[in-house]
mmCIF file of all heavy atoms, coordinates in Angstrom:
data_MODEL
# 
_entry.id   MODEL 
# 
loop_
_atom_site.group_PDB 
_atom_site.id 
_atom_site.type_symbol 
_atom_site.label_atom_id 
_atom_site.label_alt_id 
_atom_site.label_comp_id 
_atom_site.label_asym_id 
_atom_site.label_entity_id 
_atom_site.label_seq_id 
_atom_site.pdbx_PDB_ins_code 
_atom_site.Cartn_x 
_atom_site.Cartn_y 
_atom_site.Cartn_z 
_atom_site.occupancy 
_atom_site.B_iso_or_equiv 
_atom_site.pdbx_formal_charge 
_atom_site.auth_seq_id 
_atom_site.auth_comp_id 
_atom_site.auth_asym_id 
_atom_site.auth_atom_id 
_atom_site.pdbx_PDB_model_num 
ATOM 1   N N   . ALA A 1 1  ? 116.166 80.669  59.063 1.00 0.00 ? 1  ALA A N   1 
ATOM 2   C CA  . ALA A 1 1  ? 116.143 79.395  58.298 1.00 0.00 ? 1  ALA A CA  1 
ATOM 3   C C   . ALA A 1 1  ? 115.760 78.333  59.307 1.00 0.00 ? 1  ALA A C   1 
ATOM 4   O O   . ALA A 1 1  ? 115.925 78.456  60.572 1.00 0.00 ? 1  ALA A O   1 
ATOM 5   C CB  . ALA A 1 1  ? 117.447 79.176  57.598 1.00 0.00 ? 1  ALA A CB  1 
ATOM 6   N N   . ASP A 1 2  ? 115.442 77.104  58.770 1.00 0.00 ? 2  ASP A N   1 
ATOM 7   C CA  . ASP A 1 2  ? 115.094 76.015  59.693 1.00 0.00 ? 2  ASP A CA  1 
ATOM 8   C C   . ASP A 1 2  ? 116.450 75.491  60.217 1.00 0.00 ? 2  ASP A C   1 
ATOM 9   O O   . ASP A 1 2  ? 117.506 75.728  59.644 1.00 0.00 ? 2  ASP A O   1 
ATOM 10  C CB  . ASP A 1 2  ? 114.308 74.993  59.010 1.00 0.00 ? 2  ASP A CB  1 
ATOM 11  C CG  . ASP A 1 2  ? 115.055 74.209  57.915 1.00 0.00 ? 2  ASP A CG  1 
ATOM 12  O OD1 . ASP A 1 2  ? 115.931 73.458  58.288 1.00 0.00 ? 2  ASP A OD1 1 
ATOM 13  O OD2 . ASP A 1 2  ? 114.574 74.277  56.678 1.00 0.00 ? 2  ASP A OD2 1 
ATOM 14  N N   . THR A 1 3  ? 116.417 74.755  61.179 1.00 0.00 ? 3  THR A N   1 
ATOM 15  C CA  . THR A 1 3  ? 117.520 74.261  61.975 1.00 0.00 ? 3  THR A CA  1 
ATOM 16  C C   . THR A 1 3  ? 118.411 73.433  61.125 1.00 0.00 ? 3  THR A C   1 
ATOM 17  O O   . THR A 1 3  ? 119.652 73.344  61.263 1.00 0.00 ? 3  THR A O   1 
ATOM 18  C CB  . THR A 1 3  ? 117.018 73.422  63.154 1.00 0.00 ? 3  THR A CB  1 
ATOM 19  O OG1 . THR A 1 3  ? 116.283 74.244  63.943 1.00 0.00 ? 3  THR A OG1 1 
ATOM 20  C CG2 . THR A 1 3  ? 118.255 72.937  64.059 1.00 0.00 ? 3  THR A CG2 1 
ATOM 21  N N   . PHE A 1 4  ? 117.896 72.790  60.092 1.00 0.00 ? 4  PHE A N   1 
ATOM 22  C CA  . PHE A 1 4  ? 118.688 71.735  59.248 1.00 0.00 ? 4  PHE A CA  1 
ATOM 23  C C   . PHE A 1 4  ? 119.084 72.319  57.961 1.00 0.00 ? 4  PHE A C   1 
ATOM 24  O O   . PHE A 1 4  ? 119.619 71.568  57.103 1.00 0.00 ? 4  PHE A O   1 
ATOM 25  C CB  . PHE A 1 4  ? 117.943 70.495  59.142 1.00 0.00 ? 4  PHE A CB  1 
ATOM 26  C CG  . PHE A 1 4  ? 117.373 69.874  60.471 1.00 0.00 ? 4  PHE A CG  1 
ATOM 27  C CD1 . PHE A 1 4  ? 116.118 70.004  60.945 1.00 0.00 ? 4  PHE A CD1 1 
ATOM 28  C CD2 . PHE A 1 4  ? 118.305 69.302  61.252 1.00 0.00 ? 4  PHE A CD2 1 
ATOM 29  C CE1 . PHE A 1 4  ? 115.792 69.454  62.067 1.00 0.00 ? 4  PHE A CE1 1 
ATOM 30  C CE2 . PHE A 1 4  ? 117.940 68.654  62.482 1.00 0.00 ? 4  PHE A CE2 1 
ATOM 31  C CZ  . PHE A 1 4  ? 116.576 68.815  62.938 1.00 0.00 ? 4  PHE A CZ  1 
ATOM 32  N N   . SER A 1 5  ? 118.968 73.596  57.681 1.00 0.00 ? 5  SER A N   1 
ATOM 33  C CA  . SER A 1 5  ? 119.331 74.241  56.429 1.00 0.00 ? 5  SER A CA  1 
ATOM 34  C C   . SER A 1 5  ? 120.794 74.119  56.247 1.00 0.00 ? 5  SER A C   1 
ATOM 35  O O   . SER A 1 5  ? 121.681 74.282  57.161 1.00 0.00 ? 5  SER A O   1 
ATOM 36  C CB  . SER A 1 5  ? 118.903 75.632  56.428 1.00 0.00 ? 5  SER A CB  1 
ATOM 37  O OG  . SER A 1 5  ? 119.388 76.389  57.346 1.00 0.00 ? 5  SER A OG  1 
ATOM 38  N N   . ARG A 1 6  ? 121.254 74.022  54.960 1.00 0.00 ? 6  ARG A N   1 
ATOM 39  C CA  . ARG A 1 6  ? 122.633 73.924  54.558 1.00 0.00 ? 6  ARG A CA  1 
ATOM 40  C C   . ARG A 1 6  ? 122.773 74.852  53.396 1.00 0.00 ? 6  ARG A C   1 
ATOM 41  O O   . ARG A 1 6  ? 122.790 74.479  52.214 1.00 0.00 ? 6  ARG A O   1 
ATOM 42  C CB  . ARG A 1 6  ? 123.099 72.564  54.224 1.00 0.00 ? 6  ARG A CB  1 
ATOM 43  C CG  . ARG A 1 6  ? 123.021 71.567  55.392 1.00 0.00 ? 6  ARG A CG  1 
ATOM 44  C CD  . ARG A 1 6  ? 123.420 70.189  55.043 1.00 0.00 ? 6  ARG A CD  1 
ATOM 45  N NE  . ARG A 1 6  ? 124.708 69.980  54.343 1.00 0.00 ? 6  ARG A NE  1 
ATOM 46  C CZ  . ARG A 1 6  ? 125.261 68.919  53.877 1.00 0.00 ? 6  ARG A CZ  1 
ATOM 47  N NH1 . ARG A 1 6  ? 124.624 67.766  54.198 1.00 0.00 ? 6  ARG A NH1 1 
ATOM 48  N NH2 . ARG A 1 6  ? 126.360 68.917  53.394 1.00 0.00 ? 6  ARG A NH2 1 
ATOM 49  N N   . TYR A 1 7  ? 122.952 76.214  53.715 1.00 0.00 ? 7  TYR A N   1 
ATOM 50  C CA  . TYR A 1 7  ? 122.794 77.222  52.720 1.00 0.00 ? 7  TYR A CA  1 
ATOM 51  C C   . TYR A 1 7  ? 124.138 77.958  52.602 1.00 0.00 ? 7  TYR A C   1 
ATOM 52  O O   . TYR A 1 7  ? 124.651 78.459  53.524 1.00 0.00 ? 7  TYR A O   1 
ATOM 53  C CB  . TYR A 1 7  ? 121.736 78.289  52.956 1.00 0.00 ? 7  TYR A CB  1 
ATOM 54  C CG  . TYR A 1 7  ? 120.373 77.679  53.059 1.00 0.00 ? 7  TYR A CG  1 
ATOM 55  C CD1 . TYR A 1 7  ? 119.399 78.357  53.841 1.00 0.00 ? 7  TYR A CD1 1 
ATOM 56  C CD2 . TYR A 1 7  ? 119.842 76.606  52.336 1.00 0.00 ? 7  TYR A CD2 1 
ATOM 57  C CE1 . TYR A 1 7  ? 118.100 77.887  53.878 1.00 0.00 ? 7  TYR A CE1 1 
ATOM 58  C CE2 . TYR A 1 7  ? 118.618 76.107  52.449 1.00 0.00 ? 7  TYR A CE2 1 
ATOM 59  C CZ  . TYR A 1 7  ? 117.691 76.760  53.223 1.00 0.00 ? 7  TYR A CZ  1 
ATOM 60  O OH  . TYR A 1 7  ? 116.421 76.236  53.282 1.00 0.00 ? 7  TYR A OH  1 
ATOM 61  N N   . ALA A 1 8  ? 124.620 78.100  51.369 1.00 0.00 ? 8  ALA A N   1 
ATOM 62  C CA  . ALA A 1 8  ? 125.728 79.039  51.112 1.00 0.00 ? 8  ALA A CA  1 
ATOM 63  C C   . ALA A 1 8  ? 125.221 80.538  51.214 1.00 0.00 ? 8  ALA A C   1 
ATOM 64  O O   . ALA A 1 8  ? 124.048 80.732  50.996 1.00 0.00 ? 8  ALA A O   1 
ATOM 65  C CB  . ALA A 1 8  ? 126.434 78.793  49.760 1.00 0.00 ? 8  ALA A CB  1 
ATOM 66  N N   . MET A 1 9  ? 126.099 81.395  51.557 1.00 0.00 ? 9  MET A N   1 
ATOM 67  C CA  . MET A 1 9  ? 125.725 82.837  51.794 1.00 0.00 ? 9  MET A CA  1 
ATOM 68  C C   . MET A 1 9  ? 126.753 83.629  51.053 1.00 0.00 ? 9  MET A C   1 
ATOM 69  O O   . MET A 1 9  ? 127.926 83.309  50.857 1.00 0.00 ? 9  MET A O   1 
ATOM 70  C CB  . MET A 1 9  ? 125.770 83.210  53.212 1.00 0.00 ? 9  MET A CB  1 
ATOM 71  C CG  . MET A 1 9  ? 124.849 82.416  54.191 1.00 0.00 ? 9  MET A CG  1 
ATOM 72  S SD  . MET A 1 9  ? 123.078 82.676  53.812 1.00 0.00 ? 9  MET A SD  1 
ATOM 73  C CE  . MET A 1 9  ? 122.863 84.360  54.398 1.00 0.00 ? 9  MET A CE  1 
ATOM 74  N N   . GLY A 1 10 ? 126.254 84.832  50.641 1.00 0.00 ? 10 GLY A N   1 
ATOM 75  C CA  . GLY A 1 10 ? 127.161 85.692  49.893 1.00 0.00 ? 10 GLY A CA  1 
ATOM 76  C C   . GLY A 1 10 ? 126.894 87.225  50.195 1.00 0.00 ? 10 GLY A C   1 
ATOM 77  O O   . GLY A 1 10 ? 125.908 87.586  50.691 1.00 0.00 ? 10 GLY A O   1 
ATOM 78  N N   . TRP A 1 11 ? 127.992 88.012  49.967 1.00 0.00 ? 11 TRP A N   1 
ATOM 79  C CA  . TRP A 1 11 ? 127.908 89.462  50.003 1.00 0.00 ? 11 TRP A CA  1 
ATOM 80  C C   . TRP A 1 11 ? 128.052 90.043  48.637 1.00 0.00 ? 11 TRP A C   1 
ATOM 81  O O   . TRP A 1 11 ? 128.914 89.600  47.929 1.00 0.00 ? 11 TRP A O   1 
ATOM 82  C CB  . TRP A 1 11 ? 128.883 90.022  50.928 1.00 0.00 ? 11 TRP A CB  1 
ATOM 83  C CG  . TRP A 1 11 ? 128.674 89.807  52.354 1.00 0.00 ? 11 TRP A CG  1 
ATOM 84  C CD1 . TRP A 1 11 ? 129.205 88.918  53.244 1.00 0.00 ? 11 TRP A CD1 1 
ATOM 85  C CD2 . TRP A 1 11 ? 127.739 90.731  53.163 1.00 0.00 ? 11 TRP A CD2 1 
ATOM 86  N NE1 . TRP A 1 11 ? 128.586 89.097  54.521 1.00 0.00 ? 11 TRP A NE1 1 
ATOM 87  C CE2 . TRP A 1 11 ? 127.767 90.195  54.489 1.00 0.00 ? 11 TRP A CE2 1 
ATOM 88  C CE3 . TRP A 1 11 ? 126.900 91.765  52.906 1.00 0.00 ? 11 TRP A CE3 1 
ATOM 89  C CZ2 . TRP A 1 11 ? 127.085 90.660  55.472 1.00 0.00 ? 11 TRP A CZ2 1 
ATOM 90  C CZ3 . TRP A 1 11 ? 126.139 92.277  54.040 1.00 0.00 ? 11 TRP A CZ3 1 
ATOM 91  C CH2 . TRP A 1 11 ? 126.225 91.794  55.253 1.00 0.00 ? 11 TRP A CH2 1 
ATOM 92  N N   . PHE A 1 12 ? 127.311 90.885  48.239 1.00 0.00 ? 12 PHE A N   1 
ATOM 93  C CA  . PHE A 1 12 ? 127.320 91.598  46.935 1.00 0.00 ? 12 PHE A CA  1 
ATOM 94  C C   . PHE A 1 12 ? 127.204 93.017  47.159 1.00 0.00 ? 12 PHE A C   1 
ATOM 95  O O   . PHE A 1 12 ? 126.777 93.605  48.261 1.00 0.00 ? 12 PHE A O   1 
ATOM 96  C CB  . PHE A 1 12 ? 126.145 91.195  46.091 1.00 0.00 ? 12 PHE A CB  1 
ATOM 97  C CG  . PHE A 1 12 ? 126.116 89.577  45.898 1.00 0.00 ? 12 PHE A CG  1 
ATOM 98  C CD1 . PHE A 1 12 ? 125.642 88.820  46.789 1.00 0.00 ? 12 PHE A CD1 1 
ATOM 99  C CD2 . PHE A 1 12 ? 126.662 89.077  44.696 1.00 0.00 ? 12 PHE A CD2 1 
ATOM 100 C CE1 . PHE A 1 12 ? 125.554 87.424  46.619 1.00 0.00 ? 12 PHE A CE1 1 
ATOM 101 C CE2 . PHE A 1 12 ? 126.589 87.659  44.522 1.00 0.00 ? 12 PHE A CE2 1 
ATOM 102 C CZ  . PHE A 1 12 ? 126.124 86.919  45.490 1.00 0.00 ? 12 PHE A CZ  1 
ATOM 103 N N   . ARG A 1 13 ? 127.529 93.919  46.128 1.00 0.00 ? 13 ARG A N   1 
ATOM 104 C CA  . ARG A 1 13 ? 127.363 95.258  46.238 1.00 0.00 ? 13 ARG A CA  1 
ATOM 105 C C   . ARG A 1 13 ? 127.018 95.885  44.847 1.00 0.00 ? 13 ARG A C   1 
ATOM 106 O O   . ARG A 1 13 ? 127.272 95.363  43.800 1.00 0.00 ? 13 ARG A O   1 
ATOM 107 C CB  . ARG A 1 13 ? 128.665 95.964  46.762 1.00 0.00 ? 13 ARG A CB  1 
ATOM 108 C CG  . ARG A 1 13 ? 129.934 95.813  45.901 1.00 0.00 ? 13 ARG A CG  1 
ATOM 109 C CD  . ARG A 1 13 ? 131.146 96.335  46.500 1.00 0.00 ? 13 ARG A CD  1 
ATOM 110 N NE  . ARG A 1 13 ? 132.311 96.306  45.678 1.00 0.00 ? 13 ARG A NE  1 
ATOM 111 C CZ  . ARG A 1 13 ? 133.506 96.684  46.094 1.00 0.00 ? 13 ARG A CZ  1 
ATOM 112 N NH1 . ARG A 1 13 ? 133.852 96.884  47.342 1.00 0.00 ? 13 ARG A NH1 1 
ATOM 113 N NH2 . ARG A 1 13 ? 134.519 96.624  45.163 1.00 0.00 ? 13 ARG A NH2 1 
ATOM 114 N N   . GLN A 1 14 ? 126.472 97.111  44.941 1.00 0.00 ? 14 GLN A N   1 
ATOM 115 C CA  . GLN A 1 14 ? 126.058 97.806  43.725 1.00 0.00 ? 14 GLN A CA  1 
ATOM 116 C C   . GLN A 1 14 ? 126.254 99.265  44.075 1.00 0.00 ? 14 GLN A C   1 
ATOM 117 O O   . GLN A 1 14 ? 125.530 99.890  44.914 1.00 0.00 ? 14 GLN A O   1 
ATOM 118 C CB  . GLN A 1 14 ? 124.629 97.515  43.347 1.00 0.00 ? 14 GLN A CB  1 
ATOM 119 C CG  . GLN A 1 14 ? 124.240 98.059  41.946 1.00 0.00 ? 14 GLN A CG  1 
ATOM 120 C CD  . GLN A 1 14 ? 122.891 97.422  41.479 1.00 0.00 ? 14 GLN A CD  1 
ATOM 121 O OE1 . GLN A 1 14 ? 122.150 96.916  42.245 1.00 0.00 ? 14 GLN A OE1 1 
ATOM 122 N NE2 . GLN A 1 14 ? 122.774 97.501  40.207 1.00 0.00 ? 14 GLN A NE2 1 
ATOM 123 N N   . ALA A 1 15 ? 127.052 99.904  43.189 1.00 0.00 ? 15 ALA A N   1 
ATOM 124 C CA  . ALA A 1 15 ? 127.250 101.412 43.137 1.00 0.00 ? 15 ALA A CA  1 
ATOM 125 C C   . ALA A 1 15 ? 126.323 102.068 42.198 1.00 0.00 ? 15 ALA A C   1 
ATOM 126 O O   . ALA A 1 15 ? 125.944 101.395 41.179 1.00 0.00 ? 15 ALA A O   1 
ATOM 127 C CB  . ALA A 1 15 ? 128.656 101.716 42.936 1.00 0.00 ? 15 ALA A CB  1 
ATOM 128 N N   . PRO A 1 16 ? 126.047 103.309 42.343 1.00 0.00 ? 16 PRO A N   1 
ATOM 129 C CA  . PRO A 1 16 ? 125.140 103.958 41.360 1.00 0.00 ? 16 PRO A CA  1 
ATOM 130 C C   . PRO A 1 16 ? 125.808 103.900 39.872 1.00 0.00 ? 16 PRO A C   1 
ATOM 131 O O   . PRO A 1 16 ? 126.978 104.117 39.737 1.00 0.00 ? 16 PRO A O   1 
ATOM 132 C CB  . PRO A 1 16 ? 125.222 105.385 41.805 1.00 0.00 ? 16 PRO A CB  1 
ATOM 133 C CG  . PRO A 1 16 ? 125.397 105.352 43.293 1.00 0.00 ? 16 PRO A CG  1 
ATOM 134 C CD  . PRO A 1 16 ? 126.407 104.111 43.371 1.00 0.00 ? 16 PRO A CD  1 
ATOM 135 N N   . GLY A 1 17 ? 124.976 103.543 38.943 1.00 0.00 ? 17 GLY A N   1 
ATOM 136 C CA  . GLY A 1 17 ? 125.436 103.423 37.517 1.00 0.00 ? 17 GLY A CA  1 
ATOM 137 C C   . GLY A 1 17 ? 126.193 102.147 37.264 1.00 0.00 ? 17 GLY A C   1 
ATOM 138 O O   . GLY A 1 17 ? 126.732 102.030 36.104 1.00 0.00 ? 17 GLY A O   1 
ATOM 139 N N   . LYS A 1 18 ? 126.369 101.296 38.265 1.00 0.00 ? 18 LYS A N   1 
ATOM 140 C CA  . LYS A 1 18 ? 127.195 100.081 38.016 1.00 0.00 ? 18 LYS A CA  1 
ATOM 141 C C   . LYS A 1 18 ? 126.304 98.847  38.127 1.00 0.00 ? 18 LYS A C   1 
ATOM 142 O O   . LYS A 1 18 ? 125.238 98.831  38.791 1.00 0.00 ? 18 LYS A O   1 
ATOM 143 C CB  . LYS A 1 18 ? 128.278 100.070 39.105 1.00 0.00 ? 18 LYS A CB  1 
ATOM 144 C CG  . LYS A 1 18 ? 129.277 101.186 39.046 1.00 0.00 ? 18 LYS A CG  1 
ATOM 145 C CD  . LYS A 1 18 ? 130.280 100.982 38.023 1.00 0.00 ? 18 LYS A CD  1 
ATOM 146 C CE  . LYS A 1 18 ? 131.421 101.990 38.120 1.00 0.00 ? 18 LYS A CE  1 
ATOM 147 N NZ  . LYS A 1 18 ? 132.506 101.760 37.037 1.00 0.00 ? 18 LYS A NZ  1 
ATOM 148 N N   . GLU A 1 19 ? 126.762 97.786  37.698 1.00 0.00 ? 19 GLU A N   1 
ATOM 149 C CA  . GLU A 1 19 ? 126.072 96.449  37.843 1.00 0.00 ? 19 GLU A CA  1 
ATOM 150 C C   . GLU A 1 19 ? 126.367 95.841  39.187 1.00 0.00 ? 19 GLU A C   1 
ATOM 151 O O   . GLU A 1 19 ? 127.479 96.244  39.839 1.00 0.00 ? 19 GLU A O   1 
ATOM 152 C CB  . GLU A 1 19 ? 126.650 95.488  36.758 1.00 0.00 ? 19 GLU A CB  1 
ATOM 153 C CG  . GLU A 1 19 ? 126.173 95.850  35.364 1.00 0.00 ? 19 GLU A CG  1 
ATOM 154 C CD  . GLU A 1 19 ? 124.778 95.828  35.127 1.00 0.00 ? 19 GLU A CD  1 
ATOM 155 O OE1 . GLU A 1 19 ? 124.084 94.929  35.586 1.00 0.00 ? 19 GLU A OE1 1 
ATOM 156 O OE2 . GLU A 1 19 ? 124.168 96.688  34.375 1.00 0.00 ? 19 GLU A OE2 1 
ATOM 157 N N   . ARG A 1 20 ? 125.497 95.001  39.670 1.00 0.00 ? 20 ARG A N   1 
ATOM 158 C CA  . ARG A 1 20 ? 125.769 94.343  40.927 1.00 0.00 ? 20 ARG A CA  1 
ATOM 159 C C   . ARG A 1 20 ? 126.888 93.380  40.718 1.00 0.00 ? 20 ARG A C   1 
ATOM 160 O O   . ARG A 1 20 ? 127.126 92.657  39.718 1.00 0.00 ? 20 ARG A O   1 
ATOM 161 C CB  . ARG A 1 20 ? 124.426 93.496  41.304 1.00 0.00 ? 20 ARG A CB  1 
ATOM 162 C CG  . ARG A 1 20 ? 124.563 92.865  42.577 1.00 0.00 ? 20 ARG A CG  1 
ATOM 163 C CD  . ARG A 1 20 ? 123.255 92.310  43.157 1.00 0.00 ? 20 ARG A CD  1 
ATOM 164 N NE  . ARG A 1 20 ? 122.258 93.453  43.278 1.00 0.00 ? 20 ARG A NE  1 
ATOM 165 C CZ  . ARG A 1 20 ? 121.000 93.301  43.647 1.00 0.00 ? 20 ARG A CZ  1 
ATOM 166 N NH1 . ARG A 1 20 ? 120.601 92.103  43.951 1.00 0.00 ? 20 ARG A NH1 1 
ATOM 167 N NH2 . ARG A 1 20 ? 120.219 94.321  43.762 1.00 0.00 ? 20 ARG A NH2 1 
ATOM 168 N N   . GLU A 1 21 ? 127.800 93.399  41.829 1.00 0.00 ? 21 GLU A N   1 
ATOM 169 C CA  . GLU A 1 21 ? 128.994 92.475  41.744 1.00 0.00 ? 21 GLU A CA  1 
ATOM 170 C C   . GLU A 1 21 ? 129.152 91.657  42.883 1.00 0.00 ? 21 GLU A C   1 
ATOM 171 O O   . GLU A 1 21 ? 128.811 92.096  44.021 1.00 0.00 ? 21 GLU A O   1 
ATOM 172 C CB  . GLU A 1 21 ? 130.274 93.370  41.451 1.00 0.00 ? 21 GLU A CB  1 
ATOM 173 C CG  . GLU A 1 21 ? 130.571 94.356  42.518 1.00 0.00 ? 21 GLU A CG  1 
ATOM 174 C CD  . GLU A 1 21 ? 131.874 95.085  42.339 1.00 0.00 ? 21 GLU A CD  1 
ATOM 175 O OE1 . GLU A 1 21 ? 132.404 94.972  41.091 1.00 0.00 ? 21 GLU A OE1 1 
ATOM 176 O OE2 . GLU A 1 21 ? 132.172 96.031  43.083 1.00 0.00 ? 21 GLU A OE2 1 
ATOM 177 N N   . THR A 1 22 ? 129.753 90.574  42.790 1.00 0.00 ? 22 THR A N   1 
ATOM 178 C CA  . THR A 1 22 ? 130.005 89.719  43.873 1.00 0.00 ? 22 THR A CA  1 
ATOM 179 C C   . THR A 1 22 ? 131.187 90.160  44.762 1.00 0.00 ? 22 THR A C   1 
ATOM 180 O O   . THR A 1 22 ? 132.243 90.542  44.152 1.00 0.00 ? 22 THR A O   1 
ATOM 181 C CB  . THR A 1 22 ? 130.248 88.183  43.429 1.00 0.00 ? 22 THR A CB  1 
ATOM 182 O OG1 . THR A 1 22 ? 129.253 87.849  42.578 1.00 0.00 ? 22 THR A OG1 1 
ATOM 183 C CG2 . THR A 1 22 ? 130.473 87.259  44.557 1.00 0.00 ? 22 THR A CG2 1 
ATOM 184 N N   . VAL A 1 23 ? 131.086 90.172  45.990 1.00 0.00 ? 23 VAL A N   1 
ATOM 185 C CA  . VAL A 1 23 ? 132.135 90.564  46.934 1.00 0.00 ? 23 VAL A CA  1 
ATOM 186 C C   . VAL A 1 23 ? 132.769 89.275  47.566 1.00 0.00 ? 23 VAL A C   1 
ATOM 187 O O   . VAL A 1 23 ? 134.038 89.213  47.394 1.00 0.00 ? 23 VAL A O   1 
ATOM 188 C CB  . VAL A 1 23 ? 131.640 91.481  48.008 1.00 0.00 ? 23 VAL A CB  1 
ATOM 189 C CG1 . VAL A 1 23 ? 132.745 91.818  49.013 1.00 0.00 ? 23 VAL A CG1 1 
ATOM 190 C CG2 . VAL A 1 23 ? 131.134 92.787  47.331 1.00 0.00 ? 23 VAL A CG2 1 
ATOM 191 N N   . ALA A 1 24 ? 132.028 88.486  48.168 1.00 0.00 ? 24 ALA A N   1 
ATOM 192 C CA  . ALA A 1 24 ? 132.552 87.335  48.876 1.00 0.00 ? 24 ALA A CA  1 
ATOM 193 C C   . ALA A 1 24 ? 131.390 86.323  48.991 1.00 0.00 ? 24 ALA A C   1 
ATOM 194 O O   . ALA A 1 24 ? 130.275 86.642  49.045 1.00 0.00 ? 24 ALA A O   1 
ATOM 195 C CB  . ALA A 1 24 ? 133.061 87.708  50.246 1.00 0.00 ? 24 ALA A CB  1 
ATOM 196 N N   . VAL A 1 25 ? 131.786 85.061  49.070 1.00 0.00 ? 25 VAL A N   1 
ATOM 197 C CA  . VAL A 1 25 ? 130.814 83.929  49.227 1.00 0.00 ? 25 VAL A CA  1 
ATOM 198 C C   . VAL A 1 25 ? 131.383 82.929  50.281 1.00 0.00 ? 25 VAL A C   1 
ATOM 199 O O   . VAL A 1 25 ? 132.545 82.746  50.183 1.00 0.00 ? 25 VAL A O   1 
ATOM 200 C CB  . VAL A 1 25 ? 130.514 83.251  47.887 1.00 0.00 ? 25 VAL A CB  1 
ATOM 201 C CG1 . VAL A 1 25 ? 129.357 82.153  48.184 1.00 0.00 ? 25 VAL A CG1 1 
ATOM 202 C CG2 . VAL A 1 25 ? 130.017 84.200  46.842 1.00 0.00 ? 25 VAL A CG2 1 
ATOM 203 N N   . ILE A 1 26 ? 130.568 82.357  50.997 1.00 0.00 ? 26 ILE A N   1 
ATOM 204 C CA  . ILE A 1 26 ? 131.011 81.314  51.841 1.00 0.00 ? 26 ILE A CA  1 
ATOM 205 C C   . ILE A 1 26 ? 130.031 80.054  51.876 1.00 0.00 ? 26 ILE A C   1 
ATOM 206 O O   . ILE A 1 26 ? 128.873 80.283  51.622 1.00 0.00 ? 26 ILE A O   1 
ATOM 207 C CB  . ILE A 1 26 ? 131.069 81.845  53.439 1.00 0.00 ? 26 ILE A CB  1 
ATOM 208 C CG1 . ILE A 1 26 ? 131.820 80.968  54.367 1.00 0.00 ? 26 ILE A CG1 1 
ATOM 209 C CG2 . ILE A 1 26 ? 129.654 82.210  53.950 1.00 0.00 ? 26 ILE A CG2 1 
ATOM 210 C CD1 . ILE A 1 26 ? 132.178 81.685  55.613 1.00 0.00 ? 26 ILE A CD1 1 
ATOM 211 N N   . ASN A 1 27 ? 130.665 78.922  52.020 1.00 0.00 ? 27 ASN A N   1 
ATOM 212 C CA  . ASN A 1 27 ? 129.823 77.745  51.972 1.00 0.00 ? 27 ASN A CA  1 
ATOM 213 C C   . ASN A 1 27 ? 129.140 77.445  53.180 1.00 0.00 ? 27 ASN A C   1 
ATOM 214 O O   . ASN A 1 27 ? 129.253 78.207  54.175 1.00 0.00 ? 27 ASN A O   1 
ATOM 215 C CB  . ASN A 1 27 ? 130.712 76.493  51.524 1.00 0.00 ? 27 ASN A CB  1 
ATOM 216 C CG  . ASN A 1 27 ? 131.544 75.969  52.551 1.00 0.00 ? 27 ASN A CG  1 
ATOM 217 O OD1 . ASN A 1 27 ? 131.882 76.655  53.601 1.00 0.00 ? 27 ASN A OD1 1 
ATOM 218 N ND2 . ASN A 1 27 ? 131.944 74.739  52.541 1.00 0.00 ? 27 ASN A ND2 1 
ATOM 219 N N   . TRP A 1 28 ? 128.328 76.417  53.218 1.00 0.00 ? 28 TRP A N   1 
ATOM 220 C CA  . TRP A 1 28 ? 127.279 76.240  54.297 1.00 0.00 ? 28 TRP A CA  1 
ATOM 221 C C   . TRP A 1 28 ? 127.960 76.086  55.674 1.00 0.00 ? 28 TRP A C   1 
ATOM 222 O O   . TRP A 1 28 ? 127.300 76.627  56.699 1.00 0.00 ? 28 TRP A O   1 
ATOM 223 C CB  . TRP A 1 28 ? 126.448 75.015  54.045 1.00 0.00 ? 28 TRP A CB  1 
ATOM 224 C CG  . TRP A 1 28 ? 127.128 73.724  54.430 1.00 0.00 ? 28 TRP A CG  1 
ATOM 225 C CD1 . TRP A 1 28 ? 128.001 72.986  53.614 1.00 0.00 ? 28 TRP A CD1 1 
ATOM 226 C CD2 . TRP A 1 28 ? 126.993 72.908  55.628 1.00 0.00 ? 28 TRP A CD2 1 
ATOM 227 N NE1 . TRP A 1 28 ? 128.439 71.822  54.254 1.00 0.00 ? 28 TRP A NE1 1 
ATOM 228 C CE2 . TRP A 1 28 ? 127.781 71.780  55.495 1.00 0.00 ? 28 TRP A CE2 1 
ATOM 229 C CE3 . TRP A 1 28 ? 126.183 73.138  56.706 1.00 0.00 ? 28 TRP A CE3 1 
ATOM 230 C CZ2 . TRP A 1 28 ? 127.841 70.829  56.453 1.00 0.00 ? 28 TRP A CZ2 1 
ATOM 231 C CZ3 . TRP A 1 28 ? 126.246 72.163  57.728 1.00 0.00 ? 28 TRP A CZ3 1 
ATOM 232 C CH2 . TRP A 1 28 ? 127.060 71.016  57.538 1.00 0.00 ? 28 TRP A CH2 1 
# 
């Protein structure tokens, strides 16, 4: 990313036959 970016980031996961789900999120 550029030096001045302010982006939140997240971890997600998906198991076979399951919907994608949120695991954790962190602010900028």
